[in-house]
Amino acid sequence: LRGASSTNPVARDAVEEEQDGIQEDLDKLPLYP
């Protein structure tokens, strides 16, 4: 996260959740055709 909210601990926690969500989405595709 870059910008004014980057020092907001609540925003940083939300970004971590966002990162976990992207990770889970990509983990569903372990094989490349």
PDB file of all heavy atoms in Angstrom:
ATOM      1  N   LEU A   1       0.846  -1.193   0.000  1.00  0.00           N
ATOM      2  CA  LEU A   1       0.000   0.000   0.000  1.00  0.00           C
ATOM      3  C   LEU A   1       0.878   1.238   0.000  1.00  0.00           C
ATOM      4  O   LEU A   1       1.764   1.385   0.844  1.00  0.00           O
ATOM      5  CB  LEU A   1      -0.913  -0.003   1.231  1.00  0.00           C
ATOM      6  CG  LEU A   1      -1.732   1.267   1.492  1.00  0.00           C
ATOM      7  CD1 LEU A   1      -2.682   1.556   0.332  1.00  0.00           C
ATOM      8  CD2 LEU A   1      -2.495   1.156   2.808  1.00  0.00           C
ATOM      9  N   ARG A   2       0.626   2.127  -0.938  1.00  0.00           N
ATOM     10  CA  ARG A   2       1.364   3.385  -1.023  1.00  0.00           C
ATOM     11  C   ARG A   2       0.377   4.541  -0.977  1.00  0.00           C
ATOM     12  O   ARG A   2      -0.690   4.484  -1.596  1.00  0.00           O
ATOM     13  CB  ARG A   2       2.186   3.439  -2.310  1.00  0.00           C
ATOM     14  CG  ARG A   2       3.108   2.236  -2.498  1.00  0.00           C
ATOM     15  CD  ARG A   2       3.948   2.344  -3.762  1.00  0.00           C
ATOM     16  NE  ARG A   2       4.661   1.099  -4.039  1.00  0.00           N
ATOM     17  CZ  ARG A   2       5.791   0.742  -3.457  1.00  0.00           C
ATOM     18  NH1 ARG A   2       6.359   1.556  -2.566  1.00  0.00           N
ATOM     19  NH2 ARG A   2       6.378  -0.412  -3.762  1.00  0.00           N
ATOM     20  N   GLY A   3       0.728   5.580  -0.234  1.00  0.00           N
ATOM     21  CA  GLY A   3      -0.146   6.741  -0.122  1.00  0.00           C
ATOM     22  C   GLY A   3      -0.396   7.125   1.325  1.00  0.00           C
ATOM     23  O   GLY A   3       0.250   6.603   2.254  1.00  0.00           O
ATOM     24  N   ALA A   4      -1.380   8.017   1.519  1.00  0.00           N
ATOM     25  CA  ALA A   4      -1.638   8.565   2.850  1.00  0.00           C
ATOM     26  C   ALA A   4      -2.046   7.501   3.861  1.00  0.00           C
ATOM     27  O   ALA A   4      -1.764   7.632   5.050  1.00  0.00           O
ATOM     28  CB  ALA A   4      -2.719   9.642   2.752  1.00  0.00           C
ATOM     29  N   SER A   5      -2.721   6.453   3.407  1.00  0.00           N
ATOM     30  CA  SER A   5      -3.221   5.427   4.339  1.00  0.00           C
ATOM     31  C   SER A   5      -2.174   4.379   4.688  1.00  0.00           C
ATOM     32  O   SER A   5      -2.474   3.447   5.452  1.00  0.00           O
ATOM     33  CB  SER A   5      -4.444   4.734   3.736  1.00  0.00           C
ATOM     34  OG  SER A   5      -5.476   5.667   3.483  1.00  0.00           O
ATOM     35  N   SER A   6      -0.979   4.491   4.141  1.00  0.00           N
ATOM     36  CA  SER A   6       0.039   3.462   4.368  1.00  0.00           C
ATOM     37  C   SER A   6       0.481   3.388   5.825  1.00  0.00           C
ATOM     38  O   SER A   6       1.054   2.377   6.247  1.00  0.00           O
ATOM     39  CB  SER A   6       1.252   3.706   3.465  1.00  0.00           C
ATOM     40  OG  SER A   6       1.832   4.971   3.755  1.00  0.00           O
ATOM     41  N   THR A   7       0.232   4.447   6.606  1.00  0.00           N
ATOM     42  CA  THR A   7       0.591   4.444   8.029  1.00  0.00           C
ATOM     43  C   THR A   7      -0.578   4.039   8.912  1.00  0.00           C
ATOM     44  O   THR A   7      -0.415   3.950  10.130  1.00  0.00           O
ATOM     45  CB  THR A   7       1.099   5.832   8.453  1.00  0.00           C
ATOM     46  OG1 THR A   7       0.081   6.810   8.187  1.00  0.00           O
ATOM     47  CG2 THR A   7       2.363   6.208   7.682  1.00  0.00           C
ATOM     48  N   ASN A   8      -1.732   3.787   8.303  1.00  0.00           N
ATOM     49  CA  ASN A   8      -2.929   3.409   9.055  1.00  0.00           C
ATOM     50  C   ASN A   8      -2.875   1.907   9.333  1.00  0.00           C
ATOM     51  O   ASN A   8      -2.922   1.099   8.399  1.00  0.00           O
ATOM     52  CB  ASN A   8      -4.174   3.770   8.252  1.00  0.00           C
ATOM     53  CG  ASN A   8      -5.459   3.449   8.991  1.00  0.00           C
ATOM     54  OD1 ASN A   8      -5.481   2.694   9.952  1.00  0.00           O
ATOM     55  ND2 ASN A   8      -6.549   4.036   8.535  1.00  0.00           N
ATOM     56  N   PRO A   9      -2.795   1.496  10.607  1.00  0.00           N
ATOM     57  CA  PRO A   9      -2.676   0.058  10.899  1.00  0.00           C
ATOM     58  C   PRO A   9      -3.893  -0.746  10.443  1.00  0.00           C
ATOM     59  O   PRO A   9      -3.747  -1.912  10.049  1.00  0.00           O
ATOM     60  CB  PRO A   9      -2.503   0.007  12.417  1.00  0.00           C
ATOM     61  CG  PRO A   9      -3.017   1.314  12.915  1.00  0.00           C
ATOM     62  CD  PRO A   9      -2.741   2.305  11.842  1.00  0.00           C
ATOM     63  N   VAL A  10      -5.073  -0.147  10.482  1.00  0.00           N
ATOM     64  CA  VAL A  10      -6.265  -0.848  10.019  1.00  0.00           C
ATOM     65  C   VAL A  10      -6.185  -1.079   8.509  1.00  0.00           C
ATOM     66  O   VAL A  10      -6.528  -2.151   8.006  1.00  0.00           O
ATOM     67  CB  VAL A  10      -7.542  -0.067  10.383  1.00  0.00           C
ATOM     68  CG1 VAL A  10      -8.780  -0.801   9.858  1.00  0.00           C
ATOM     69  CG2 VAL A  10      -7.644   0.131  11.895  1.00  0.00           C
ATOM     70  N   ALA A  11      -5.702  -0.072   7.782  1.00  0.00           N
ATOM     71  CA  ALA A  11      -5.549  -0.212   6.333  1.00  0.00           C
ATOM     72  C   ALA A  11      -4.500  -1.266   6.006  1.00  0.00           C
ATOM     73  O   ALA A  11      -4.665  -2.051   5.068  1.00  0.00           O
ATOM     74  CB  ALA A  11      -5.170   1.133   5.719  1.00  0.00           C
ATOM     75  N   ARG A  12      -3.416  -1.299   6.783  1.00  0.00           N
ATOM     76  CA  ARG A  12      -2.377  -2.303   6.528  1.00  0.00           C
ATOM     77  C   ARG A  12      -2.916  -3.718   6.752  1.00  0.00           C
ATOM     78  O   ARG A  12      -2.585  -4.645   6.015  1.00  0.00           O
ATOM     79  CB  ARG A  12      -1.163  -2.035   7.414  1.00  0.00           C
ATOM     80  CG  ARG A  12      -0.395  -0.762   7.050  1.00  0.00           C
ATOM     81  CD  ARG A  12       1.040  -0.829   7.562  1.00  0.00           C
ATOM     82  NE  ARG A  12       1.079  -0.972   9.009  1.00  0.00           N
ATOM     83  CZ  ARG A  12       1.158   0.049   9.864  1.00  0.00           C
ATOM     84  NH1 ARG A  12       1.187   1.290   9.399  1.00  0.00           N
ATOM     85  NH2 ARG A  12       1.206  -0.166  11.168  1.00  0.00           N
ATOM     86  N   ASP A  13      -3.763  -3.872   7.776  1.00  0.00           N
ATOM     87  CA  ASP A  13      -4.377  -5.186   8.009  1.00  0.00           C
ATOM     88  C   ASP A  13      -5.283  -5.565   6.843  1.00  0.00           C
ATOM     89  O   ASP A  13      -5.321  -6.734   6.426  1.00  0.00           O
ATOM     90  CB  ASP A  13      -5.178  -5.175   9.311  1.00  0.00           C
ATOM     91  CG  ASP A  13      -4.291  -5.109  10.552  1.00  0.00           C
ATOM     92  OD1 ASP A  13      -3.084  -5.413  10.428  1.00  0.00           O
ATOM     93  OD2 ASP A  13      -4.798  -4.741  11.629  1.00  0.00           O
ATOM     94  N   ALA A  14      -6.005  -4.580   6.300  1.00  0.00           N
ATOM     95  CA  ALA A  14      -6.884  -4.857   5.159  1.00  0.00           C
ATOM     96  C   ALA A  14      -6.071  -5.266   3.940  1.00  0.00           C
ATOM     97  O   ALA A  14      -6.500  -6.123   3.157  1.00  0.00           O
ATOM     98  CB  ALA A  14      -7.736  -3.626   4.855  1.00  0.00           C
ATOM     99  N   VAL A  15      -4.897  -4.667   3.775  1.00  0.00           N
ATOM    100  CA  VAL A  15      -4.027  -5.027   2.648  1.00  0.00           C
ATOM    101  C   VAL A  15      -3.516  -6.454   2.808  1.00  0.00           C
ATOM    102  O   VAL A  15      -3.411  -7.208   1.822  1.00  0.00           O
ATOM    103  CB  VAL A  15      -2.863  -4.026   2.540  1.00  0.00           C
ATOM    104  CG1 VAL A  15      -1.833  -4.511   1.533  1.00  0.00           C
ATOM    105  CG2 VAL A  15      -3.385  -2.657   2.128  1.00  0.00           C
ATOM    106  N   GLU A  16      -3.197  -6.848   4.022  1.00  0.00           N
ATOM    107  CA  GLU A  16      -2.766  -8.233   4.248  1.00  0.00           C
ATOM    108  C   GLU A  16      -3.876  -9.211   3.892  1.00  0.00           C
ATOM    109  O   GLU A  16      -3.627 -10.283   3.323  1.00  0.00           O
ATOM    110  CB  GLU A  16      -2.332  -8.412   5.706  1.00  0.00           C
ATOM    111  CG  GLU A  16      -1.019  -7.714   6.042  1.00  0.00           C
ATOM    112  CD  GLU A  16      -0.550  -8.029   7.450  1.00  0.00           C
ATOM    113  OE1 GLU A  16      -1.188  -8.893   8.102  1.00  0.00           O
ATOM    114  OE2 GLU A  16       0.442  -7.432   7.899  1.00  0.00           O
ATOM    115  N   GLU A  17      -5.114  -8.853   4.222  1.00  0.00           N
ATOM    116  CA  GLU A  17      -6.245  -9.702   3.846  1.00  0.00           C
ATOM    117  C   GLU A  17      -6.391  -9.756   2.330  1.00  0.00           C
ATOM    118  O   GLU A  17      -6.710 -10.798   1.750  1.00  0.00           O
ATOM    119  CB  GLU A  17      -7.531  -9.175   4.484  1.00  0.00           C
ATOM    120  CG  GLU A  17      -7.556  -9.280   6.002  1.00  0.00           C
ATOM    121  CD  GLU A  17      -8.817  -8.699   6.605  1.00  0.00           C
ATOM    122  OE1 GLU A  17      -9.697  -8.259   5.815  1.00  0.00           O
ATOM    123  OE2 GLU A  17      -8.940  -8.675   7.841  1.00  0.00           O
ATOM    124  N   GLU A  18      -6.154  -8.624   1.678  1.00  0.00           N
ATOM    125  CA  GLU A  18      -6.205  -8.579   0.220  1.00  0.00           C
ATOM    126  C   GLU A  18      -5.134  -9.479  -0.377  1.00  0.00           C
ATOM    127  O   GLU A  18      -5.379 -10.231  -1.334  1.00  0.00           O
ATOM    128  CB  GLU A  18      -5.995  -7.136  -0.246  1.00  0.00           C
ATOM    129  CG  GLU A  18      -5.750  -6.955  -1.723  1.00  0.00           C
ATOM    130  CD  GLU A  18      -7.000  -7.117  -2.558  1.00  0.00           C
ATOM    131  OE1 GLU A  18      -8.066  -7.391  -1.993  1.00  0.00           O
ATOM    132  OE2 GLU A  18      -6.913  -6.973  -3.776  1.00  0.00           O
ATOM    133  N   GLN A  19      -3.954  -9.443   0.191  1.00  0.00           N
ATOM    134  CA  GLN A  19      -2.863 -10.292  -0.289  1.00  0.00           C
ATOM    135  C   GLN A  19      -3.212 -11.769  -0.121  1.00  0.00           C
ATOM    136  O   GLN A  19      -2.981 -12.576  -1.023  1.00  0.00           O
ATOM    137  CB  GLN A  19      -1.589  -9.960   0.489  1.00  0.00           C
ATOM    138  CG  GLN A  19      -0.381 -10.806   0.128  1.00  0.00           C
ATOM    139  CD  GLN A  19       0.878 -10.334   0.834  1.00  0.00           C
ATOM    140  OE1 GLN A  19       1.341  -9.218   0.618  1.00  0.00           O
ATOM    141  NE2 GLN A  19       1.423 -11.169   1.704  1.00  0.00           N
ATOM    142  N   ASP A  20      -3.788 -12.115   1.046  1.00  0.00           N
ATOM    143  CA  ASP A  20      -4.190 -13.503   1.285  1.00  0.00           C
ATOM    144  C   ASP A  20      -5.265 -13.934   0.292  1.00  0.00           C
ATOM    145  O   ASP A  20      -5.265 -15.091  -0.166  1.00  0.00           O
ATOM    146  CB  ASP A  20      -4.697 -13.671   2.715  1.00  0.00           C
ATOM    147  CG  ASP A  20      -3.598 -13.502   3.750  1.00  0.00           C
ATOM    148  OD1 ASP A  20      -2.415 -13.630   3.389  1.00  0.00           O
ATOM    149  OD2 ASP A  20      -3.932 -13.237   4.932  1.00  0.00           O
ATOM    150  N   GLY A  21      -6.185 -13.024  -0.057  1.00  0.00           N
ATOM    151  CA  GLY A  21      -7.235 -13.360  -1.008  1.00  0.00           C
ATOM    152  C   GLY A  21      -6.693 -13.643  -2.393  1.00  0.00           C
ATOM    153  O   GLY A  21      -7.122 -14.597  -3.061  1.00  0.00           O
ATOM    154  N   ILE A  22      -5.731 -12.835  -2.850  1.00  0.00           N
ATOM    155  CA  ILE A  22      -5.107 -13.079  -4.156  1.00  0.00           C
ATOM    156  C   ILE A  22      -4.336 -14.388  -4.138  1.00  0.00           C
ATOM    157  O   ILE A  22      -4.378 -15.169  -5.092  1.00  0.00           O
ATOM    158  CB  ILE A  22      -4.185 -11.905  -4.527  1.00  0.00           C
ATOM    159  CG1 ILE A  22      -5.002 -10.612  -4.707  1.00  0.00           C
ATOM    160  CG2 ILE A  22      -3.411 -12.207  -5.807  1.00  0.00           C
ATOM    161  CD1 ILE A  22      -4.162  -9.385  -4.974  1.00  0.00           C
ATOM    162  N   GLN A  23      -3.640 -14.644  -3.024  1.00  0.00           N
ATOM    163  CA  GLN A  23      -2.885 -15.889  -2.884  1.00  0.00           C
ATOM    164  C   GLN A  23      -3.807 -17.097  -3.006  1.00  0.00           C
ATOM    165  O   GLN A  23      -3.510 -18.061  -3.728  1.00  0.00           O
ATOM    166  CB  GLN A  23      -2.173 -15.915  -1.532  1.00  0.00           C
ATOM    167  CG  GLN A  23      -1.338 -17.155  -1.280  1.00  0.00           C
ATOM    168  CD  GLN A  23       0.012 -17.099  -1.958  1.00  0.00           C
ATOM    169  OE1 GLN A  23       0.771 -16.163  -1.749  1.00  0.00           O
ATOM    170  NE2 GLN A  23       0.316 -18.100  -2.764  1.00  0.00           N
ATOM    171  N   GLU A  24      -4.947 -17.041  -2.321  1.00  0.00           N
ATOM    172  CA  GLU A  24      -5.893 -18.160  -2.368  1.00  0.00           C
ATOM    173  C   GLU A  24      -6.434 -18.367  -3.778  1.00  0.00           C
ATOM    174  O   GLU A  24      -6.601 -19.509  -4.222  1.00  0.00           O
ATOM    175  CB  GLU A  24      -7.046 -17.910  -1.388  1.00  0.00           C
ATOM    176  CG  GLU A  24      -6.642 -17.982   0.079  1.00  0.00           C
ATOM    177  CD  GLU A  24      -7.782 -17.653   1.002  1.00  0.00           C
ATOM    178  OE1 GLU A  24      -8.910 -17.406   0.504  1.00  0.00           O
ATOM    179  OE2 GLU A  24      -7.568 -17.634   2.226  1.00  0.00           O
ATOM    180  N   ASP A  25      -6.712 -17.276  -4.486  1.00  0.00           N
ATOM    181  CA  ASP A  25      -7.225 -17.396  -5.856  1.00  0.00           C
ATOM    182  C   ASP A  25      -6.210 -18.065  -6.769  1.00  0.00           C
ATOM    183  O   ASP A  25      -6.544 -18.939  -7.574  1.00  0.00           O
ATOM    184  CB  ASP A  25      -7.599 -16.021  -6.401  1.00  0.00           C
ATOM    185  CG  ASP A  25      -8.840 -15.442  -5.731  1.00  0.00           C
ATOM    186  OD1 ASP A  25      -9.611 -16.218  -5.134  1.00  0.00           O
ATOM    187  OD2 ASP A  25      -9.030 -14.209  -5.803  1.00  0.00           O
ATOM    188  N   LEU A  26      -4.938 -17.665  -6.662  1.00  0.00           N
ATOM    189  CA  LEU A  26      -3.911 -18.233  -7.532  1.00  0.00           C
ATOM    190  C   LEU A  26      -3.545 -19.661  -7.138  1.00  0.00           C
ATOM    191  O   LEU A  26      -3.150 -20.458  -7.994  1.00  0.00           O
ATOM    192  CB  LEU A  26      -2.667 -17.337  -7.512  1.00  0.00           C
ATOM    193  CG  LEU A  26      -2.844 -15.939  -8.117  1.00  0.00           C
ATOM    194  CD1 LEU A  26      -1.544 -15.142  -8.011  1.00  0.00           C
ATOM    195  CD2 LEU A  26      -3.288 -16.027  -9.570  1.00  0.00           C
ATOM    196  N   ASP A  27      -3.681 -19.982  -5.850  1.00  0.00           N
ATOM    197  CA  ASP A  27      -3.376 -21.345  -5.407  1.00  0.00           C
ATOM    198  C   ASP A  27      -4.342 -22.367  -5.990  1.00  0.00           C
ATOM    199  O   ASP A  27      -4.049 -23.574  -5.993  1.00  0.00           O
ATOM    200  CB  ASP A  27      -3.418 -21.429  -3.874  1.00  0.00           C
ATOM    201  CG  ASP A  27      -2.206 -20.778  -3.227  1.00  0.00           C
ATOM    202  OD1 ASP A  27      -1.229 -20.484  -3.961  1.00  0.00           O
ATOM    203  OD2 ASP A  27      -2.219 -20.562  -1.998  1.00  0.00           O
ATOM    204  N   LYS A  28      -5.486 -21.902  -6.480  1.00  0.00           N
ATOM    205  CA  LYS A  28      -6.471 -22.816  -7.058  1.00  0.00           C
ATOM    206  C   LYS A  28      -6.046 -23.308  -8.443  1.00  0.00           C
ATOM    207  O   LYS A  28      -6.698 -24.184  -9.014  1.00  0.00           O
ATOM    208  CB  LYS A  28      -7.829 -22.122  -7.159  1.00  0.00           C
ATOM    209  CG  LYS A  28      -8.430 -21.730  -5.813  1.00  0.00           C
ATOM    210  CD  LYS A  28      -9.718 -20.948  -6.000  1.00  0.00           C
ATOM    211  CE  LYS A  28     -10.287 -20.492  -4.669  1.00  0.00           C
ATOM    212  NZ  LYS A  28     -11.524 -19.673  -4.847  1.00  0.00           N
ATOM    213  N   LEU A  29      -4.978 -22.727  -8.983  1.00  0.00           N
ATOM    214  CA  LEU A  29      -4.511 -23.093 -10.326  1.00  0.00           C
ATOM    215  C   LEU A  29      -3.062 -23.584 -10.246  1.00  0.00           C
ATOM    216  O   LEU A  29      -2.137 -22.894 -10.692  1.00  0.00           O
ATOM    217  CB  LEU A  29      -4.609 -21.887 -11.265  1.00  0.00           C
ATOM    218  CG  LEU A  29      -6.004 -21.260 -11.406  1.00  0.00           C
ATOM    219  CD1 LEU A  29      -5.920 -19.950 -12.179  1.00  0.00           C
ATOM    220  CD2 LEU A  29      -6.956 -22.231 -12.087  1.00  0.00           C
ATOM    221  N   PRO A  30      -2.844 -24.795  -9.691  1.00  0.00           N
ATOM    222  CA  PRO A  30      -1.467 -25.271  -9.507  1.00  0.00           C
ATOM    223  C   PRO A  30      -0.818 -25.807 -10.777  1.00  0.00           C
ATOM    224  O   PRO A  30       0.400 -25.967 -10.822  1.00  0.00           O
ATOM    225  CB  PRO A  30      -1.617 -26.392  -8.480  1.00  0.00           C
ATOM    226  CG  PRO A  30      -2.989 -26.932  -8.739  1.00  0.00           C
ATOM    227  CD  PRO A  30      -3.831 -25.742  -9.136  1.00  0.00           C
ATOM    228  N   LEU A  31      -1.626 -26.106 -11.804  1.00  0.00           N
ATOM    229  CA  LEU A  31      -1.096 -26.680 -13.034  1.00  0.00           C
ATOM    230  C   LEU A  31      -1.279 -25.711 -14.194  1.00  0.00           C
ATOM    231  O   LEU A  31      -2.305 -25.032 -14.297  1.00  0.00           O
ATOM    232  CB  LEU A  31      -1.788 -28.009 -13.360  1.00  0.00           C
ATOM    233  CG  LEU A  31      -1.648 -29.125 -12.322  1.00  0.00           C
ATOM    234  CD1 LEU A  31      -2.443 -30.336 -12.753  1.00  0.00           C
ATOM    235  CD2 LEU A  31      -0.185 -29.485 -12.095  1.00  0.00           C
ATOM    236  N   TYR A  32      -0.286 -25.662 -15.056  1.00  0.00           N
ATOM    237  CA  TYR A  32      -0.352 -24.794 -16.240  1.00  0.00           C
ATOM    238  C   TYR A  32      -0.514 -25.682 -17.475  1.00  0.00           C
ATOM    239  O   TYR A  32       0.340 -26.538 -17.752  1.00  0.00           O
ATOM    240  CB  TYR A  32       0.931 -23.970 -16.354  1.00  0.00           C
ATOM    241  CG  TYR A  32       0.883 -22.906 -17.430  1.00  0.00           C
ATOM    242  CD1 TYR A  32       0.540 -21.602 -17.115  1.00  0.00           C
ATOM    243  CD2 TYR A  32       1.176 -23.203 -18.758  1.00  0.00           C
ATOM    244  CE1 TYR A  32       0.495 -20.614 -18.090  1.00  0.00           C
ATOM    245  CE2 TYR A  32       1.121 -22.228 -19.742  1.00  0.00           C
ATOM    246  CZ  TYR A  32       0.785 -20.929 -19.393  1.00  0.00           C
ATOM    247  OH  TYR A  32       0.724 -19.971 -20.365  1.00  0.00           O
ATOM    248  N   PRO A  33      -1.594 -25.476 -18.245  1.00  0.00           N
ATOM    249  CA  PRO A  33      -1.793 -26.303 -19.439  1.00  0.00           C
ATOM    250  C   PRO A  33      -0.871 -25.868 -20.571  1.00  0.00           C
ATOM    251  O   PRO A  33      -0.676 -24.679 -20.822  1.00  0.00           O
ATOM    252  CB  PRO A  33      -3.259 -26.048 -19.791  1.00  0.00           C
ATOM    253  CG  PRO A  33      -3.525 -24.663 -19.269  1.00  0.00           C
ATOM    254  CD  PRO A  33      -2.695 -24.531 -18.021  1.00  0.00           C
TER     255      PRO A  33
END
